[in-house]
Amino acid sequence: MRMTIKRVWSILTALTVFAFLLGYLKLISTFLVVVLLISTFLKGQLVIDYFMGLKEVQLKYRILPTLWLILILSLIAVAYYLPPSVY
């Protein structure tokens, strides 16, 4: 179990550094936004499964945080792809 947590933490750290570098180097395109949203979903799911301890519980307890994560990321995607309003 301890090795799994270390591995998950390493993956979370690597994905966070990847997202930071994309922002720092200003390498943002439509494709990379999709990649960032997917990596954010993976990070969120890893936190839900391992750090919240929901990996071994029934599906009905795991589905609510996952649906919340999908909703928030979908709203971010919609907000990003909407054309800017001109006033």
N, C-alpha and C. Protein backbone atom coordinates (compact mmCIF):
# COMPACT_ATOMS: atom_id res chain seq x y z
N MET A 1 0.83 -1.20 0.00
CA MET A 1 0.00 0.00 0.00
C MET A 1 0.86 1.25 0.00
N ARG A 2 1.92 1.27 0.79
CA ARG A 2 2.76 2.45 0.88
C ARG A 2 3.40 2.78 -0.46
N MET A 3 3.81 1.75 -1.20
CA MET A 3 4.42 1.98 -2.49
C MET A 3 3.39 2.56 -3.48
N THR A 4 2.15 2.15 -3.37
CA THR A 4 1.11 2.67 -4.24
C THR A 4 0.90 4.16 -4.00
N ILE A 5 0.84 4.57 -2.76
CA ILE A 5 0.65 5.98 -2.43
C ILE A 5 1.83 6.81 -2.95
N LYS A 6 3.04 6.30 -2.81
CA LYS A 6 4.20 7.02 -3.34
C LYS A 6 4.13 7.14 -4.85
N ARG A 7 3.69 6.08 -5.51
CA ARG A 7 3.57 6.11 -6.97
C ARG A 7 2.49 7.10 -7.39
N VAL A 8 1.36 7.10 -6.70
CA VAL A 8 0.28 8.03 -7.03
C VAL A 8 0.75 9.46 -6.79
N TRP A 9 1.45 9.71 -5.70
CA TRP A 9 1.96 11.04 -5.41
C TRP A 9 2.93 11.48 -6.50
N SER A 10 3.76 10.58 -6.99
CA SER A 10 4.69 10.91 -8.06
C SER A 10 3.96 11.27 -9.34
N ILE A 11 2.91 10.54 -9.66
CA ILE A 11 2.12 10.84 -10.85
C ILE A 11 1.45 12.20 -10.71
N LEU A 12 0.88 12.47 -9.53
CA LEU A 12 0.25 13.77 -9.29
C LEU A 12 1.26 14.91 -9.43
N THR A 13 2.44 14.71 -8.89
CA THR A 13 3.48 15.74 -8.99
C THR A 13 3.90 15.96 -10.44
N ALA A 14 4.09 14.88 -11.18
CA ALA A 14 4.52 15.00 -12.58
C ALA A 14 3.46 15.72 -13.42
N LEU A 15 2.19 15.38 -13.22
CA LEU A 15 1.12 16.05 -13.97
C LEU A 15 1.01 17.53 -13.59
N THR A 16 1.25 17.85 -12.33
CA THR A 16 1.21 19.23 -11.90
C THR A 16 2.37 20.03 -12.49
N VAL A 17 3.55 19.45 -12.51
CA VAL A 17 4.71 20.13 -13.11
C VAL A 17 4.48 20.32 -14.61
N PHE A 18 3.91 19.32 -15.26
CA PHE A 18 3.58 19.43 -16.68
C PHE A 18 2.63 20.61 -16.94
N ALA A 19 1.58 20.72 -16.15
CA ALA A 19 0.62 21.81 -16.31
C ALA A 19 1.28 23.15 -16.02
N PHE A 20 2.12 23.21 -15.00
CA PHE A 20 2.82 24.44 -14.67
C PHE A 20 3.72 24.88 -15.83
N LEU A 21 4.47 23.94 -16.39
CA LEU A 21 5.38 24.28 -17.48
C LEU A 21 4.63 24.76 -18.72
N LEU A 22 3.50 24.16 -19.02
CA LEU A 22 2.71 24.63 -20.15
C LEU A 22 2.26 26.08 -19.95
N GLY A 23 1.84 26.40 -18.75
CA GLY A 23 1.43 27.77 -18.46
C GLY A 23 2.60 28.73 -18.41
N TYR A 24 3.69 28.31 -17.82
CA TYR A 24 4.86 29.17 -17.68
C TYR A 24 5.48 29.48 -19.04
N LEU A 25 5.51 28.49 -19.91
CA LEU A 25 6.08 28.69 -21.25
C LEU A 25 5.06 29.23 -22.25
N LYS A 26 3.83 29.45 -21.78
CA LYS A 26 2.73 29.98 -22.59
C LYS A 26 2.48 29.14 -23.83
N LEU A 27 2.51 27.84 -23.65
CA LEU A 27 2.25 26.89 -24.74
C LEU A 27 0.79 26.44 -24.68
N ILE A 28 -0.12 27.36 -24.91
CA ILE A 28 -1.53 27.04 -24.79
C ILE A 28 -2.16 27.03 -26.18
N SER A 29 -2.76 25.92 -26.52
CA SER A 29 -3.54 25.80 -27.75
C SER A 29 -4.80 25.02 -27.41
N THR A 30 -5.67 24.90 -28.37
CA THR A 30 -6.92 24.18 -28.14
C THR A 30 -6.65 22.72 -27.75
N PHE A 31 -5.71 22.10 -28.44
CA PHE A 31 -5.37 20.71 -28.13
C PHE A 31 -4.79 20.58 -26.72
N LEU A 32 -3.92 21.51 -26.34
CA LEU A 32 -3.30 21.42 -25.01
C LEU A 32 -4.30 21.69 -23.89
N VAL A 33 -5.31 22.49 -24.17
CA VAL A 33 -6.37 22.69 -23.16
C VAL A 33 -7.10 21.38 -22.91
N VAL A 34 -7.37 20.64 -23.97
CA VAL A 34 -8.01 19.33 -23.82
C VAL A 34 -7.09 18.39 -23.03
N VAL A 35 -5.81 18.41 -23.34
CA VAL A 35 -4.84 17.57 -22.62
C VAL A 35 -4.81 17.97 -21.14
N LEU A 36 -4.83 19.25 -20.85
CA LEU A 36 -4.83 19.71 -19.46
C LEU A 36 -6.11 19.31 -18.72
N LEU A 37 -7.24 19.38 -19.39
CA LEU A 37 -8.49 18.97 -18.75
C LEU A 37 -8.49 17.48 -18.46
N ILE A 38 -7.96 16.70 -19.38
CA ILE A 38 -7.88 15.25 -19.15
C ILE A 38 -6.91 14.94 -18.01
N SER A 39 -5.77 15.63 -17.98
CA SER A 39 -4.81 15.39 -16.89
C SER A 39 -5.39 15.85 -15.56
N THR A 40 -6.18 16.91 -15.57
CA THR A 40 -6.83 17.36 -14.34
C THR A 40 -7.86 16.34 -13.87
N PHE A 41 -8.58 15.73 -14.81
CA PHE A 41 -9.52 14.68 -14.44
C PHE A 41 -8.78 13.49 -13.83
N LEU A 42 -7.67 13.10 -14.45
CA LEU A 42 -6.89 11.98 -13.90
C LEU A 42 -6.37 12.30 -12.50
N LYS A 43 -5.88 13.51 -12.31
CA LYS A 43 -5.40 13.91 -10.98
C LYS A 43 -6.53 13.87 -9.96
N GLY A 44 -7.68 14.40 -10.35
CA GLY A 44 -8.83 14.39 -9.44
C GLY A 44 -9.27 12.98 -9.10
N GLN A 45 -9.27 12.12 -10.09
CA GLN A 45 -9.69 10.73 -9.86
C GLN A 45 -8.69 10.00 -8.97
N LEU A 46 -7.42 10.28 -9.13
CA LEU A 46 -6.41 9.67 -8.25
C LEU A 46 -6.60 10.14 -6.80
N VAL A 47 -6.89 11.42 -6.63
CA VAL A 47 -7.13 11.94 -5.27
C VAL A 47 -8.38 11.29 -4.68
N ILE A 48 -9.43 11.18 -5.48
CA ILE A 48 -10.67 10.55 -5.00
C ILE A 48 -10.41 9.10 -4.60
N ASP A 49 -9.70 8.37 -5.43
CA ASP A 49 -9.49 6.94 -5.19
C ASP A 49 -8.55 6.66 -4.03
N TYR A 50 -7.42 7.34 -4.00
CA TYR A 50 -6.37 6.96 -3.05
C TYR A 50 -6.29 7.84 -1.81
N PHE A 51 -6.41 9.16 -1.98
CA PHE A 51 -6.24 10.02 -0.81
C PHE A 51 -7.54 10.26 -0.06
N MET A 52 -8.68 10.12 -0.74
CA MET A 52 -9.95 10.17 -0.03
C MET A 52 -10.36 8.78 0.43
N GLY A 53 -9.67 7.77 -0.03
CA GLY A 53 -9.92 6.40 0.41
C GLY A 53 -11.16 5.76 -0.19
N LEU A 54 -11.56 6.19 -1.37
CA LEU A 54 -12.78 5.66 -1.96
C LEU A 54 -12.53 4.56 -2.99
N LYS A 55 -11.30 4.08 -3.10
CA LYS A 55 -10.97 3.05 -4.08
C LYS A 55 -11.69 1.73 -3.79
N GLU A 56 -11.85 1.39 -2.54
CA GLU A 56 -12.39 0.08 -2.16
C GLU A 56 -13.84 0.12 -1.69
N VAL A 57 -14.53 1.26 -1.84
CA VAL A 57 -15.92 1.34 -1.37
C VAL A 57 -16.86 1.06 -2.54
N GLN A 58 -18.13 0.99 -2.22
CA GLN A 58 -19.14 0.72 -3.25
C GLN A 58 -19.19 1.84 -4.27
N LEU A 59 -19.64 1.50 -5.47
CA LEU A 59 -19.68 2.45 -6.57
C LEU A 59 -20.54 3.67 -6.26
N LYS A 60 -21.63 3.47 -5.52
CA LYS A 60 -22.52 4.60 -5.24
C LYS A 60 -21.82 5.69 -4.42
N TYR A 61 -20.80 5.36 -3.67
CA TYR A 61 -20.06 6.36 -2.91
C TYR A 61 -18.94 7.00 -3.73
N ARG A 62 -18.49 6.31 -4.74
CA ARG A 62 -17.42 6.83 -5.60
C ARG A 62 -17.97 7.70 -6.72
N ILE A 63 -19.21 7.46 -7.12
CA ILE A 63 -19.75 8.12 -8.30
C ILE A 63 -20.02 9.60 -8.07
N LEU A 64 -20.43 10.00 -6.87
CA LEU A 64 -20.77 11.40 -6.61
C LEU A 64 -19.57 12.33 -6.78
N PRO A 65 -18.41 12.07 -6.17
CA PRO A 65 -17.27 12.96 -6.42
C PRO A 65 -16.80 12.93 -7.87
N THR A 66 -16.92 11.79 -8.53
CA THR A 66 -16.52 11.70 -9.93
C THR A 66 -17.45 12.52 -10.82
N LEU A 67 -18.74 12.46 -10.56
CA LEU A 67 -19.69 13.27 -11.32
C LEU A 67 -19.47 14.76 -11.07
N TRP A 68 -19.17 15.12 -9.83
CA TRP A 68 -18.85 16.52 -9.52
C TRP A 68 -17.63 16.97 -10.31
N LEU A 69 -16.62 16.14 -10.36
CA LEU A 69 -15.40 16.47 -11.10
C LEU A 69 -15.68 16.63 -12.58
N ILE A 70 -16.47 15.74 -13.15
CA ILE A 70 -16.83 15.84 -14.56
C ILE A 70 -17.63 17.11 -14.83
N LEU A 71 -18.54 17.45 -13.94
CA LEU A 71 -19.35 18.67 -14.11
C LEU A 71 -18.47 19.92 -14.11
N ILE A 72 -17.58 20.02 -13.14
CA ILE A 72 -16.73 21.21 -13.03
C ILE A 72 -15.81 21.33 -14.24
N LEU A 73 -15.19 20.23 -14.64
CA LEU A 73 -14.30 20.27 -15.80
C LEU A 73 -15.06 20.56 -17.09
N SER A 74 -16.28 20.07 -17.20
CA SER A 74 -17.10 20.38 -18.37
C SER A 74 -17.45 21.86 -18.42
N LEU A 75 -17.77 22.43 -17.28
CA LEU A 75 -18.07 23.87 -17.24
C LEU A 75 -16.84 24.70 -17.60
N ILE A 76 -15.67 24.28 -17.14
CA ILE A 76 -14.44 24.98 -17.51
C ILE A 76 -14.21 24.88 -19.01
N ALA A 77 -14.42 23.70 -19.58
CA ALA A 77 -14.24 23.53 -21.03
C ALA A 77 -15.21 24.40 -21.81
N VAL A 78 -16.47 24.44 -21.40
CA VAL A 78 -17.45 25.27 -22.08
C VAL A 78 -17.05 26.74 -21.98
N ALA A 79 -16.62 27.17 -20.80
CA ALA A 79 -16.21 28.57 -20.63
C ALA A 79 -15.00 28.90 -21.49
N TYR A 80 -14.10 27.96 -21.67
CA TYR A 80 -12.92 28.22 -22.48
C TYR A 80 -13.27 28.31 -23.96
N TYR A 81 -14.17 27.49 -24.43
CA TYR A 81 -14.47 27.44 -25.86
C TYR A 81 -15.56 28.42 -26.28
N LEU A 82 -16.22 29.09 -25.34
CA LEU A 82 -17.19 30.11 -25.72
C LEU A 82 -16.44 31.31 -26.28
N PRO A 83 -17.02 31.95 -27.27
CA PRO A 83 -16.34 33.15 -27.79
C PRO A 83 -16.42 34.28 -26.76
N PRO A 84 -15.38 35.09 -26.70
CA PRO A 84 -15.42 36.20 -25.74
C PRO A 84 -16.49 37.21 -26.14
N SER A 85 -17.18 37.73 -25.15
CA SER A 85 -18.21 38.71 -25.44
C SER A 85 -17.56 40.08 -25.62
N VAL A 86 -18.14 40.85 -26.50
CA VAL A 86 -17.60 42.18 -26.81
C VAL A 86 -18.60 43.21 -26.31
N TYR A 87 -18.16 44.07 -25.42
CA TYR A 87 -19.02 45.14 -24.90
C TYR A 87 -18.35 46.46 -25.13
